[in-house]
Amino acid sequence: MLTLAWPWLLILLPLPFIIQKKSQSTEQGGHLHLSGVEPLSLQPSAIKQSLTRKRYWLIWGLLVLSATRPLWMGEPIDLPAKGRDLMLSVDLSGSMQIEDMQVNGQNVDRFTLVQHVLNDFIKRRKGDRIGLILFADHAYLQSPLTLDRRSVSQFLTEAQIGLVGKQTAIGEAIALAVKRFDNIDKSNRILILLTDGSNNAGSITPDQAAAIAAKRGIKIYTVGIGADVMERRTLFGTERVNPSMDLDETQLKSIANTTHGRYFRARNPQELQQIYQEIDKLEPVSRDQLTYRPQSELFYWPLSMALIASILIALGYLPWFKRFTFRKDQNSEAHHSAKGRS
């Protein structure tokens, strides 16, 4: 169905006519007429002037039409009436750039692994509302709970390590999620917290935040990211180190237990994907039925036509175009004269 987003802008259509009438009345009042003397006309012929005026009217009408924002509305689509509310809280601290993970056989940093796995996770969450929190020195809401999975995935893809600092404020990340869930009724209230370190920033401790979350009925699934062993080259050869020595698994397990969630250890993509099955076990919550109507913008069609018409009129004022048109008219007149004589 064709519709206009701002139909009231159609009142602008007669504006050039009103301005023209006012201009003509002003000019007529200032003319000096001498009896017996015809006024000297420097205007083009009446037919050509009328044609030019119609072109200008056409351009103005197309511009007004594009300004009303014409839309093509598709058939209504019923959105899923059941789903879960999942808030993703992702660590962007400096340690997330340690390259101790593998994706498709290539060594990558921890955050790249999180992006790879979570983007696939988000795409599968049809019917679930998903939000995104990024945290380091402090926690920031990147996306509220929404059914628009594509936007959440895009926000995660555009995030960068160090964007919000270098430290790890786990307590603030939990507290921010609690605040966002307080505004929502009939919700599973699930927080998935991914980190590779321990809390060393923020104004609230993880234990305090977890206790508040438990009272609000929020279930937290914590994910500890990082390999157990990584080889690195030194002057004395290759040595094996533990890149996850800063990971506080005890604290993450405590947060999960306090909120009746579960702790996951993610040393590789397969272990991180285990959270899929755990979330799928949760019973979806019924919601009010929502309807969505897809729409397509059509304003660029009249706008393009107005641009093309303007270019054609502008070409008419160029000397070489005038000479070409004049020669074409002469040839046409000569053709008609020869045809008449025959």
C-alpha atoms as a PDB file:
ATOM      1  CA  MET A   1       0.000   0.000   0.000  1.00  0.00           C
ATOM      2  CA  LEU A   2       1.287   3.439  -0.960  1.00  0.00           C
ATOM      3  CA  THR A   3       1.206   6.083   1.752  1.00  0.00           C
ATOM      4  CA  LEU A   4       2.765   9.429   2.641  1.00  0.00           C
ATOM      5  CA  ALA A   5       4.606   9.888   5.934  1.00  0.00           C
ATOM      6  CA  TRP A   6       4.060  13.670   5.973  1.00  0.00           C
ATOM      7  CA  PRO A   7       1.031  14.402   3.719  1.00  0.00           C
ATOM      8  CA  TRP A   8       0.539  17.857   5.251  1.00  0.00           C
ATOM      9  CA  LEU A   9       3.499  19.092   3.205  1.00  0.00           C
ATOM     10  CA  LEU A  10       1.232  18.986   0.121  1.00  0.00           C
ATOM     11  CA  ILE A  11      -0.036  22.413   1.183  1.00  0.00           C
ATOM     12  CA  LEU A  12       3.214  23.767  -0.279  1.00  0.00           C
ATOM     13  CA  LEU A  13       2.140  22.897  -3.844  1.00  0.00           C
ATOM     14  CA  PRO A  14       0.440  26.266  -4.647  1.00  0.00           C
ATOM     15  CA  LEU A  15       3.288  28.310  -3.123  1.00  0.00           C
ATOM     16  CA  PRO A  16       4.967  29.244  -6.480  1.00  0.00           C
ATOM     17  CA  PHE A  17       1.548  30.276  -7.909  1.00  0.00           C
ATOM     18  CA  ILE A  18       0.951  32.592  -4.928  1.00  0.00           C
ATOM     19  CA  ILE A  19       4.419  34.130  -5.273  1.00  0.00           C
ATOM     20  CA  GLN A  20       3.945  34.576  -9.047  1.00  0.00           C
ATOM     21  CA  LYS A  21       0.609  36.342  -8.643  1.00  0.00           C
ATOM     22  CA  LYS A  22       2.042  38.676  -6.020  1.00  0.00           C
ATOM     23  CA  SER A  23       5.045  39.428  -8.248  1.00  0.00           C
ATOM     24  CA  GLN A  24       2.829  40.157 -11.270  1.00  0.00           C
ATOM     25  CA  SER A  25       0.662  42.574  -9.305  1.00  0.00           C
ATOM     26  CA  THR A  26       3.778  44.431  -8.145  1.00  0.00           C
ATOM     27  CA  GLU A  27       5.198  44.687 -11.669  1.00  0.00           C
ATOM     28  CA  GLN A  28       1.887  45.913 -13.157  1.00  0.00           C
ATOM     29  CA  GLY A  29       1.693  48.698 -10.609  1.00  0.00           C
ATOM     30  CA  GLY A  30       5.179  49.984 -11.592  1.00  0.00           C
ATOM     31  CA  HIS A  31       4.891  49.944 -15.410  1.00  0.00           C
ATOM     32  CA  LEU A  32       4.739  53.180 -17.468  1.00  0.00           C
ATOM     33  CA  HIS A  33       2.338  52.877 -20.444  1.00  0.00           C
ATOM     34  CA  LEU A  34       2.363  55.411 -23.358  1.00  0.00           C
ATOM     35  CA  SER A  35      -0.752  55.728 -25.513  1.00  0.00           C
ATOM     36  CA  GLY A  36      -0.252  54.521 -29.066  1.00  0.00           C
ATOM     37  CA  VAL A  37       3.030  52.821 -28.253  1.00  0.00           C
ATOM     38  CA  GLU A  38       3.223  49.063 -27.885  1.00  0.00           C
ATOM     39  CA  PRO A  39       5.302  47.928 -24.891  1.00  0.00           C
ATOM     40  CA  LEU A  40       8.703  46.463 -25.772  1.00  0.00           C
ATOM     41  CA  SER A  41       8.704  42.756 -24.903  1.00  0.00           C
ATOM     42  CA  LEU A  42      11.994  41.057 -24.121  1.00  0.00           C
ATOM     43  CA  GLN A  43      10.251  37.864 -22.958  1.00  0.00           C
ATOM     44  CA  PRO A  44      10.206  34.685 -25.048  1.00  0.00           C
ATOM     45  CA  SER A  45       7.167  33.684 -27.037  1.00  0.00           C
ATOM     46  CA  ALA A  46       3.989  32.906 -25.104  1.00  0.00           C
ATOM     47  CA  ILE A  47       4.100  29.242 -26.063  1.00  0.00           C
ATOM     48  CA  LYS A  48       7.729  28.821 -24.993  1.00  0.00           C
ATOM     49  CA  GLN A  49       7.082  30.743 -21.788  1.00  0.00           C
ATOM     50  CA  SER A  50       4.088  28.537 -20.983  1.00  0.00           C
ATOM     51  CA  LEU A  51       6.150  25.390 -21.622  1.00  0.00           C
ATOM     52  CA  THR A  52       8.962  26.604 -19.361  1.00  0.00           C
ATOM     53  CA  ARG A  53       6.450  27.445 -16.630  1.00  0.00           C
ATOM     54  CA  LYS A  54       4.979  23.948 -16.824  1.00  0.00           C
ATOM     55  CA  ARG A  55       8.439  22.435 -16.430  1.00  0.00           C
ATOM     56  CA  TYR A  56       9.073  24.483 -13.316  1.00  0.00           C
ATOM     57  CA  TRP A  57       5.696  23.433 -11.941  1.00  0.00           C
ATOM     58  CA  LEU A  58       6.576  19.804 -12.616  1.00  0.00           C
ATOM     59  CA  ILE A  59       9.902  20.111 -10.765  1.00  0.00           C
ATOM     60  CA  TRP A  60       8.260  21.837  -7.809  1.00  0.00           C
ATOM     61  CA  GLY A  61       5.546  19.176  -7.627  1.00  0.00           C
ATOM     62  CA  LEU A  62       8.138  16.394  -7.651  1.00  0.00           C
ATOM     63  CA  LEU A  63      10.170  18.090  -4.913  1.00  0.00           C
ATOM     64  CA  VAL A  64       7.093  18.508  -2.712  1.00  0.00           C
ATOM     65  CA  LEU A  65       6.112  14.890  -3.335  1.00  0.00           C
ATOM     66  CA  SER A  66       9.562  13.639  -2.299  1.00  0.00           C
ATOM     67  CA  ALA A  67       9.416  15.844   0.820  1.00  0.00           C
ATOM     68  CA  THR A  68       6.184  14.112   1.900  1.00  0.00           C
ATOM     69  CA  ARG A  69       8.241  10.892   2.104  1.00  0.00           C
ATOM     70  CA  PRO A  70       6.208   8.383   0.097  1.00  0.00           C
ATOM     71  CA  LEU A  71       6.362   4.845   1.476  1.00  0.00           C
ATOM     72  CA  TRP A  72       5.315   1.433   0.272  1.00  0.00           C
ATOM     73  CA  MET A  73       3.872  -0.502   3.232  1.00  0.00           C
ATOM     74  CA  GLY A  74       4.097  -4.283   3.083  1.00  0.00           C
ATOM     75  CA  GLU A  75       1.712  -6.807   4.557  1.00  0.00           C
ATOM     76  CA  PRO A  76       1.602  -6.985   8.388  1.00  0.00           C
ATOM     77  CA  ILE A  77       3.966  -9.554   9.931  1.00  0.00           C
ATOM     78  CA  ASP A  78       3.266 -11.014  13.363  1.00  0.00           C
ATOM     79  CA  LEU A  79       6.346 -11.035  15.583  1.00  0.00           C
ATOM     80  CA  PRO A  80       6.951 -13.944  17.954  1.00  0.00           C
ATOM     81  CA  ALA A  81       4.765 -13.657  21.070  1.00  0.00           C
ATOM     82  CA  LYS A  82       7.140 -15.737  23.183  1.00  0.00           C
ATOM     83  CA  GLY A  83      10.817 -15.299  23.922  1.00  0.00           C
ATOM     84  CA  ARG A  84      13.541 -14.639  26.426  1.00  0.00           C
ATOM     85  CA  ASP A  85      15.213 -11.427  27.565  1.00  0.00           C
ATOM     86  CA  LEU A  86      18.997 -11.787  27.310  1.00  0.00           C
ATOM     87  CA  MET A  87      21.483  -9.097  28.260  1.00  0.00           C
ATOM     88  CA  LEU A  88      25.019  -9.683  26.967  1.00  0.00           C
ATOM     89  CA  SER A  89      27.794  -8.072  29.011  1.00  0.00           C
ATOM     90  CA  VAL A  90      31.159  -8.172  27.216  1.00  0.00           C
ATOM     91  CA  ASP A  91      34.583  -7.353  28.666  1.00  0.00           C
ATOM     92  CA  LEU A  92      36.603  -4.831  26.594  1.00  0.00           C
ATOM     93  CA  SER A  93      39.601  -4.569  28.924  1.00  0.00           C
ATOM     94  CA  GLY A  94      43.154  -4.592  27.592  1.00  0.00           C
ATOM     95  CA  SER A  95      43.744  -8.287  28.340  1.00  0.00           C
ATOM     96  CA  MET A  96      41.082  -9.241  25.771  1.00  0.00           C
ATOM     97  CA  GLN A  97      43.665  -8.619  23.057  1.00  0.00           C
ATOM     98  CA  ILE A  98      45.807 -11.610  24.127  1.00  0.00           C
ATOM     99  CA  GLU A  99      46.060 -13.978  21.151  1.00  0.00           C
ATOM    100  CA  ASP A 100      45.527 -17.360  22.780  1.00  0.00           C
ATOM    101  CA  MET A 101      42.410 -18.419  20.845  1.00  0.00           C
ATOM    102  CA  GLN A 102      41.800 -20.049  17.487  1.00  0.00           C
ATOM    103  CA  VAL A 103      39.032 -19.450  14.944  1.00  0.00           C
ATOM    104  CA  ASN A 104      38.990 -21.554  11.769  1.00  0.00           C
ATOM    105  CA  GLY A 105      42.560 -22.680  12.440  1.00  0.00           C
ATOM    106  CA  GLN A 106      43.960 -19.168  12.865  1.00  0.00           C
ATOM    107  CA  ASN A 107      45.303 -17.590  16.056  1.00  0.00           C
ATOM    108  CA  VAL A 108      43.108 -14.668  17.153  1.00  0.00           C
ATOM    109  CA  ASP A 109      42.675 -12.556  20.269  1.00  0.00           C
ATOM    110  CA  ARG A 110      40.011 -13.273  22.851  1.00  0.00           C
ATOM    111  CA  PHE A 111      37.667 -10.509  21.775  1.00  0.00           C
ATOM    112  CA  THR A 112      37.702 -11.703  18.157  1.00  0.00           C
ATOM    113  CA  LEU A 113      36.624 -15.132  19.412  1.00  0.00           C
ATOM    114  CA  VAL A 114      33.812 -13.546  21.450  1.00  0.00           C
ATOM    115  CA  GLN A 115      32.641 -11.575  18.410  1.00  0.00           C
ATOM    116  CA  HIS A 116      32.742 -14.676  16.213  1.00  0.00           C
ATOM    117  CA  VAL A 117      30.758 -16.873  18.605  1.00  0.00           C
ATOM    118  CA  LEU A 118      28.326 -14.251  19.918  1.00  0.00           C
ATOM    119  CA  ASN A 119      27.370 -12.995  16.455  1.00  0.00           C
ATOM    120  CA  ASP A 120      26.283 -16.518  15.575  1.00  0.00           C
ATOM    121  CA  PHE A 121      24.555 -16.794  18.950  1.00  0.00           C
ATOM    122  CA  ILE A 122      22.621 -13.559  18.338  1.00  0.00           C
ATOM    123  CA  LYS A 123      21.448 -14.688  14.895  1.00  0.00           C
ATOM    124  CA  ARG A 124      19.928 -17.848  16.419  1.00  0.00           C
ATOM    125  CA  ARG A 125      17.950 -16.003  19.079  1.00  0.00           C
ATOM    126  CA  LYS A 126      14.762 -15.572  17.048  1.00  0.00           C
ATOM    127  CA  GLY A 127      11.985 -14.236  19.281  1.00  0.00           C
ATOM    128  CA  ASP A 128      14.390 -13.251  22.078  1.00  0.00           C
ATOM    129  CA  ARG A 129      15.034  -9.671  23.077  1.00  0.00           C
ATOM    130  CA  ILE A 130      18.762  -8.991  23.306  1.00  0.00           C
ATOM    131  CA  GLY A 131      20.699  -6.120  24.859  1.00  0.00           C
ATOM    132  CA  LEU A 132      24.412  -5.324  24.909  1.00  0.00           C
ATOM    133  CA  ILE A 133      26.597  -3.894  27.697  1.00  0.00           C
ATOM    134  CA  LEU A 134      30.294  -3.147  27.179  1.00  0.00           C
ATOM    135  CA  PHE A 135      32.520  -2.736  30.222  1.00  0.00           C
ATOM    136  CA  ALA A 136      36.117  -2.015  31.154  1.00  0.00           C
ATOM    137  CA  ASP A 137      36.880   0.921  33.507  1.00  0.00           C
ATOM    138  CA  HIS A 138      33.102   1.415  33.683  1.00  0.00           C
ATOM    139  CA  ALA A 139      30.030  -0.259  32.201  1.00  0.00           C
ATOM    140  CA  TYR A 140      28.088   1.290  29.305  1.00  0.00           C
ATOM    141  CA  LEU A 141      24.803   0.305  27.730  1.00  0.00           C
ATOM    142  CA  GLN A 142      25.437  -0.125  24.003  1.00  0.00           C
ATOM    143  CA  SER A 143      21.968  -1.437  23.132  1.00  0.00           C
ATOM    144  CA  PRO A 144      18.797  -1.820  25.248  1.00  0.00           C
ATOM    145  CA  LEU A 145      16.761  -5.005  25.023  1.00  0.00           C
ATOM    146  CA  THR A 146      15.416  -5.230  21.498  1.00  0.00           C
ATOM    147  CA  LEU A 147      14.143  -7.682  18.890  1.00  0.00           C
ATOM    148  CA  ASP A 148      16.450  -6.063  16.336  1.00  0.00           C
ATOM    149  CA  ARG A 149      19.168  -8.718  16.398  1.00  0.00           C
ATOM    150  CA  ARG A 150      20.925  -7.230  13.378  1.00  0.00           C
ATOM    151  CA  SER A 151      21.619  -3.937  15.174  1.00  0.00           C
ATOM    152  CA  VAL A 152      22.924  -5.671  18.302  1.00  0.00           C
ATOM    153  CA  SER A 153      25.246  -7.784  16.145  1.00  0.00           C
ATOM    154  CA  GLN A 154      26.454  -4.651  14.360  1.00  0.00           C
ATOM    155  CA  PHE A 155      27.177  -2.885  17.667  1.00  0.00           C
ATOM    156  CA  LEU A 156      29.232  -5.878  18.811  1.00  0.00           C
ATOM    157  CA  THR A 157      31.136  -5.982  15.520  1.00  0.00           C
ATOM    158  CA  GLU A 158      31.994  -2.266  15.722  1.00  0.00           C
ATOM    159  CA  ALA A 159      33.228  -2.456  19.341  1.00  0.00           C
ATOM    160  CA  GLN A 160      36.986  -2.267  19.912  1.00  0.00           C
ATOM    161  CA  ILE A 161      39.280  -3.253  22.757  1.00  0.00           C
ATOM    162  CA  GLY A 162      40.096  -0.259  24.935  1.00  0.00           C
ATOM    163  CA  LEU A 163      37.008   1.617  23.773  1.00  0.00           C
ATOM    164  CA  VAL A 164      35.829   2.095  27.372  1.00  0.00           C
ATOM    165  CA  GLY A 165      39.139   1.705  29.215  1.00  0.00           C
ATOM    166  CA  LYS A 166      41.692  -0.959  30.164  1.00  0.00           C
ATOM    167  CA  GLN A 167      40.487  -2.304  33.523  1.00  0.00           C
ATOM    168  CA  THR A 168      37.587  -4.625  34.480  1.00  0.00           C
ATOM    169  CA  ALA A 169      34.461  -3.364  36.268  1.00  0.00           C
ATOM    170  CA  ILE A 170      32.467  -6.597  36.619  1.00  0.00           C
ATOM    171  CA  GLY A 171      30.329  -5.266  39.487  1.00  0.00           C
ATOM    172  CA  GLU A 172      29.235  -2.229  37.475  1.00  0.00           C
ATOM    173  CA  ALA A 173      28.341  -4.421  34.484  1.00  0.00           C
ATOM    174  CA  ILE A 174      26.014  -6.510  36.673  1.00  0.00           C
ATOM    175  CA  ALA A 175      24.511  -3.438  38.347  1.00  0.00           C
ATOM    176  CA  LEU A 176      23.763  -1.803  34.979  1.00  0.00           C
ATOM    177  CA  ALA A 177      21.994  -4.950  33.781  1.00  0.00           C
ATOM    178  CA  VAL A 178      19.915  -4.993  36.987  1.00  0.00           C
ATOM    179  CA  LYS A 179      18.883  -1.394  36.345  1.00  0.00           C
ATOM    180  CA  ARG A 180      17.777  -2.182  32.783  1.00  0.00           C
ATOM    181  CA  PHE A 181      15.796  -5.258  33.829  1.00  0.00           C
ATOM    182  CA  ASP A 182      13.918  -3.271  36.506  1.00  0.00           C
ATOM    183  CA  ASN A 183      11.922  -1.548  33.742  1.00  0.00           C
ATOM    184  CA  ILE A 184      10.653  -4.812  32.232  1.00  0.00           C
ATOM    185  CA  ASP A 185       7.813  -7.072  33.384  1.00  0.00           C
ATOM    186  CA  LYS A 186       7.230 -10.705  32.376  1.00  0.00           C
ATOM    187  CA  SER A 187      10.871 -11.389  31.689  1.00  0.00           C
ATOM    188  CA  ASN A 188      13.293 -14.302  32.105  1.00  0.00           C
ATOM    189  CA  ARG A 189      15.916 -11.727  33.161  1.00  0.00           C
ATOM    190  CA  ILE A 190      19.066 -13.460  31.978  1.00  0.00           C
ATOM    191  CA  LEU A 191      22.518 -11.890  32.025  1.00  0.00           C
ATOM    192  CA  ILE A 192      25.408 -13.505  30.146  1.00  0.00           C
ATOM    193  CA  LEU A 193      28.665 -12.021  31.423  1.00  0.00           C
ATOM    194  CA  LEU A 194      31.876 -12.709  29.500  1.00  0.00           C
ATOM    195  CA  THR A 195      35.240 -11.725  30.961  1.00  0.00           C
ATOM    196  CA  ASP A 196      38.863 -12.866  31.091  1.00  0.00           C
ATOM    197  CA  GLY A 197      39.929 -11.167  34.331  1.00  0.00           C
ATOM    198  CA  SER A 198      38.939 -10.168  37.832  1.00  0.00           C
ATOM    199  CA  ASN A 199      37.134  -7.121  39.139  1.00  0.00           C
ATOM    200  CA  ASN A 200      39.605  -4.242  39.615  1.00  0.00           C
ATOM    201  CA  ALA A 201      37.498  -1.156  38.863  1.00  0.00           C
ATOM    202  CA  GLY A 202      34.066   0.317  39.500  1.00  0.00           C
ATOM    203  CA  SER A 203      32.128   1.584  42.492  1.00  0.00           C
ATOM    204  CA  ILE A 204      30.373  -1.700  43.395  1.00  0.00           C
ATOM    205  CA  THR A 205      31.796  -5.174  44.001  1.00  0.00           C
ATOM    206  CA  PRO A 206      30.623  -8.220  42.034  1.00  0.00           C
ATOM    207  CA  ASP A 207      29.296  -9.895  45.207  1.00  0.00           C
ATOM    208  CA  GLN A 208      27.180  -6.850  46.095  1.00  0.00           C
ATOM    209  CA  ALA A 209      25.830  -6.589  42.565  1.00  0.00           C
ATOM    210  CA  ALA A 210      25.110 -10.327  42.393  1.00  0.00           C
ATOM    211  CA  ALA A 211      23.145 -10.170  45.642  1.00  0.00           C
ATOM    212  CA  ILE A 212      20.977  -7.389  44.235  1.00  0.00           C
ATOM    213  CA  ALA A 213      20.501  -9.328  40.992  1.00  0.00           C
ATOM    214  CA  ALA A 214      19.385 -12.403  42.923  1.00  0.00           C
ATOM    215  CA  LYS A 215      16.727 -10.368  44.766  1.00  0.00           C
ATOM    216  CA  ARG A 216      15.449  -9.053  41.414  1.00  0.00           C
ATOM    217  CA  GLY A 217      15.171 -12.558  39.993  1.00  0.00           C
ATOM    218  CA  ILE A 218      18.016 -12.116  37.504  1.00  0.00           C
ATOM    219  CA  LYS A 219      19.891 -15.270  36.532  1.00  0.00           C
ATOM    220  CA  ILE A 220      23.554 -14.711  35.600  1.00  0.00           C
ATOM    221  CA  TYR A 221      25.581 -17.010  33.390  1.00  0.00           C
ATOM    222  CA  THR A 222      29.268 -16.180  33.734  1.00  0.00           C
ATOM    223  CA  VAL A 223      31.843 -17.127  31.107  1.00  0.00           C
ATOM    224  CA  GLY A 224      35.569 -17.163  31.816  1.00  0.00           C
ATOM    225  CA  ILE A 225      37.563 -16.658  28.600  1.00  0.00           C
ATOM    226  CA  GLY A 226      41.174 -17.649  28.029  1.00  0.00           C
ATOM    227  CA  ALA A 227      43.397 -20.629  27.304  1.00  0.00           C
ATOM    228  CA  ASP A 228      45.189 -22.569  30.042  1.00  0.00           C
ATOM    229  CA  VAL A 229      48.492 -22.810  28.182  1.00  0.00           C
ATOM    230  CA  MET A 230      50.154 -20.623  25.575  1.00  0.00           C
ATOM    231  CA  GLU A 231      53.599 -20.938  24.082  1.00  0.00           C
ATOM    232  CA  ARG A 232      55.739 -17.855  23.535  1.00  0.00           C
ATOM    233  CA  ARG A 233      59.207 -17.312  22.199  1.00  0.00           C
ATOM    234  CA  THR A 234      61.972 -15.845  24.354  1.00  0.00           C
ATOM    235  CA  LEU A 235      65.727 -15.339  24.020  1.00  0.00           C
ATOM    236  CA  PHE A 236      66.230 -18.740  25.625  1.00  0.00           C
ATOM    237  CA  GLY A 237      63.753 -20.598  23.406  1.00  0.00           C
ATOM    238  CA  THR A 238      60.043 -21.410  23.738  1.00  0.00           C
ATOM    239  CA  GLU A 239      58.326 -21.401  27.089  1.00  0.00           C
ATOM    240  CA  ARG A 240      54.812 -22.360  28.151  1.00  0.00           C
ATOM    241  CA  VAL A 241      52.844 -19.840  30.194  1.00  0.00           C
ATOM    242  CA  ASN A 242      49.348 -19.578  31.632  1.00  0.00           C
ATOM    243  CA  PRO A 243      47.702 -16.564  29.927  1.00  0.00           C
ATOM    244  CA  SER A 244      44.630 -16.842  32.183  1.00  0.00           C
ATOM    245  CA  MET A 245      46.343 -16.357  35.522  1.00  0.00           C
ATOM    246  CA  ASP A 246      44.314 -13.151  36.092  1.00  0.00           C
ATOM    247  CA  LEU A 247      40.979 -14.935  35.572  1.00  0.00           C
ATOM    248  CA  ASP A 248      39.102 -15.104  38.888  1.00  0.00           C
ATOM    249  CA  GLU A 249      37.097 -18.298  38.392  1.00  0.00           C
ATOM    250  CA  THR A 250      36.159 -18.447  42.066  1.00  0.00           C
ATOM    251  CA  GLN A 251      34.427 -15.095  41.840  1.00  0.00           C
ATOM    252  CA  LEU A 252      32.649 -15.935  38.574  1.00  0.00           C
ATOM    253  CA  LYS A 253      31.377 -19.221  40.060  1.00  0.00           C
ATOM    254  CA  SER A 254      30.158 -17.336  43.138  1.00  0.00           C
ATOM    255  CA  ILE A 255      28.212 -14.867  40.980  1.00  0.00           C
ATOM    256  CA  ALA A 256      26.576 -17.703  39.042  1.00  0.00           C
ATOM    257  CA  ASN A 257      25.690 -19.674  42.188  1.00  0.00           C
ATOM    258  CA  THR A 258      24.243 -16.627  43.963  1.00  0.00           C
ATOM    259  CA  THR A 259      21.862 -15.954  41.063  1.00  0.00           C
ATOM    260  CA  HIS A 260      21.083 -19.633  40.320  1.00  0.00           C
ATOM    261  CA  GLY A 261      22.949 -19.440  37.027  1.00  0.00           C
ATOM    262  CA  ARG A 262      25.931 -21.393  35.760  1.00  0.00           C
ATOM    263  CA  TYR A 263      29.619 -20.828  35.140  1.00  0.00           C
ATOM    264  CA  PHE A 264      31.248 -21.753  31.808  1.00  0.00           C
ATOM    265  CA  ARG A 265      34.933 -22.026  31.029  1.00  0.00           C
ATOM    266  CA  ALA A 266      35.697 -21.002  27.444  1.00  0.00           C
ATOM    267  CA  ARG A 267      39.131 -22.144  26.328  1.00  0.00           C
ATOM    268  CA  ASN A 268      37.983 -22.517  22.705  1.00  0.00           C
ATOM    269  CA  PRO A 269      34.924 -21.812  20.505  1.00  0.00           C
ATOM    270  CA  GLN A 270      33.357 -25.202  21.258  1.00  0.00           C
ATOM    271  CA  GLU A 271      33.289 -24.601  25.005  1.00  0.00           C
ATOM    272  CA  LEU A 272      31.873 -21.113  24.538  1.00  0.00           C
ATOM    273  CA  GLN A 273      29.085 -22.486  22.362  1.00  0.00           C
ATOM    274  CA  GLN A 274      27.896 -24.759  25.187  1.00  0.00           C
ATOM    275  CA  ILE A 275      25.891 -21.838  26.501  1.00  0.00           C
ATOM    276  CA  TYR A 276      23.568 -22.236  23.483  1.00  0.00           C
ATOM    277  CA  GLN A 277      22.073 -25.451  24.783  1.00  0.00           C
ATOM    278  CA  GLU A 278      21.770 -24.101  28.321  1.00  0.00           C
ATOM    279  CA  ILE A 279      19.825 -21.014  27.204  1.00  0.00           C
ATOM    280  CA  ASP A 280      17.587 -23.102  24.919  1.00  0.00           C
ATOM    281  CA  LYS A 281      16.454 -25.112  27.949  1.00  0.00           C
ATOM    282  CA  LEU A 282      14.854 -22.032  29.488  1.00  0.00           C
ATOM    283  CA  GLU A 283      11.102 -21.716  29.009  1.00  0.00           C
ATOM    284  CA  PRO A 284      10.187 -18.656  26.872  1.00  0.00           C
ATOM    285  CA  VAL A 285       7.966 -16.025  28.474  1.00  0.00           C
ATOM    286  CA  SER A 286       4.669 -15.065  26.811  1.00  0.00           C
ATOM    287  CA  ARG A 287       4.399 -11.464  25.634  1.00  0.00           C
ATOM    288  CA  ASP A 288       1.765  -9.283  24.006  1.00  0.00           C
ATOM    289  CA  GLN A 289       1.377  -9.989  20.301  1.00  0.00           C
ATOM    290  CA  LEU A 290       3.252  -7.407  18.222  1.00  0.00           C
ATOM    291  CA  THR A 291       2.793  -6.668  14.525  1.00  0.00           C
ATOM    292  CA  TYR A 292       5.403  -5.290  12.168  1.00  0.00           C
ATOM    293  CA  ARG A 293       4.793  -3.814   8.716  1.00  0.00           C
ATOM    294  CA  PRO A 294       7.885  -3.640   6.500  1.00  0.00           C
ATOM    295  CA  GLN A 295       8.193  -0.382   4.589  1.00  0.00           C
ATOM    296  CA  SER A 296      10.241   0.779   1.620  1.00  0.00           C
ATOM    297  CA  GLU A 297      11.280   4.379   0.998  1.00  0.00           C
ATOM    298  CA  LEU A 298      10.169   5.770  -2.386  1.00  0.00           C
ATOM    299  CA  PHE A 299      11.140   9.446  -2.044  1.00  0.00           C
ATOM    300  CA  TYR A 300      14.208   9.016  -4.247  1.00  0.00           C
ATOM    301  CA  TRP A 301      12.018   8.362  -7.331  1.00  0.00           C
ATOM    302  CA  PRO A 302      10.353  11.803  -7.518  1.00  0.00           C
ATOM    303  CA  LEU A 303      13.584  13.391  -6.286  1.00  0.00           C
ATOM    304  CA  SER A 304      15.555  11.769  -9.117  1.00  0.00           C
ATOM    305  CA  MET A 305      12.957  12.871 -11.684  1.00  0.00           C
ATOM    306  CA  ALA A 306      13.139  16.433 -10.388  1.00  0.00           C
ATOM    307  CA  LEU A 307      16.936  16.357 -10.663  1.00  0.00           C
ATOM    308  CA  ILE A 308      16.818  15.082 -14.245  1.00  0.00           C
ATOM    309  CA  ALA A 309      14.256  17.741 -15.236  1.00  0.00           C
ATOM    310  CA  SER A 310      16.393  20.454 -13.636  1.00  0.00           C
ATOM    311  CA  ILE A 311      19.472  19.277 -15.545  1.00  0.00           C
ATOM    312  CA  LEU A 312      17.555  19.359 -18.845  1.00  0.00           C
ATOM    313  CA  ILE A 313      16.351  22.918 -18.188  1.00  0.00           C
ATOM    314  CA  ALA A 314      19.869  24.006 -17.214  1.00  0.00           C
ATOM    315  CA  LEU A 315      21.252  22.534 -20.455  1.00  0.00           C
ATOM    316  CA  GLY A 316      18.801  24.702 -22.380  1.00  0.00           C
ATOM    317  CA  TYR A 317      20.657  27.819 -21.258  1.00  0.00           C
ATOM    318  CA  LEU A 318      24.054  26.649 -22.536  1.00  0.00           C
ATOM    319  CA  PRO A 319      25.158  28.324 -25.833  1.00  0.00           C
ATOM    320  CA  TRP A 320      26.178  25.102 -27.578  1.00  0.00           C
ATOM    321  CA  PHE A 321      22.864  23.467 -26.639  1.00  0.00           C
ATOM    322  CA  LYS A 322      20.927  26.468 -27.963  1.00  0.00           C
ATOM    323  CA  ARG A 323      22.809  26.293 -31.282  1.00  0.00           C
ATOM    324  CA  PHE A 324      22.116  22.575 -31.536  1.00  0.00           C
ATOM    325  CA  THR A 325      18.401  23.119 -30.831  1.00  0.00           C
ATOM    326  CA  PHE A 326      18.244  26.018 -33.296  1.00  0.00           C
ATOM    327  CA  ARG A 327      19.791  23.944 -36.097  1.00  0.00           C
ATOM    328  CA  LYS A 328      17.441  21.090 -35.308  1.00  0.00           C
ATOM    329  CA  ASP A 329      14.440  23.439 -35.529  1.00  0.00           C
ATOM    330  CA  GLN A 330      15.713  24.842 -38.836  1.00  0.00           C
ATOM    331  CA  ASN A 331      16.114  21.387 -40.316  1.00  0.00           C
ATOM    332  CA  SER A 332      12.639  20.452 -39.129  1.00  0.00           C
ATOM    333  CA  GLU A 333      11.104  23.588 -40.690  1.00  0.00           C
ATOM    334  CA  ALA A 334      12.951  23.001 -43.981  1.00  0.00           C
ATOM    335  CA  HIS A 335      11.708  19.409 -44.041  1.00  0.00           C
ATOM    336  CA  HIS A 336       8.097  20.487 -43.496  1.00  0.00           C
ATOM    337  CA  SER A 337       8.384  23.227 -46.195  1.00  0.00           C
ATOM    338  CA  ALA A 338       9.777  20.774 -48.754  1.00  0.00           C
ATOM    339  CA  LYS A 339       7.059  18.298 -47.906  1.00  0.00           C
ATOM    340  CA  GLY A 340       4.406  21.008 -48.351  1.00  0.00           C
ATOM    341  CA  ARG A 341       5.736  22.002 -51.799  1.00  0.00           C
ATOM    342  CA  SER A 342       5.689  18.424 -52.961  1.00  0.00           C
END
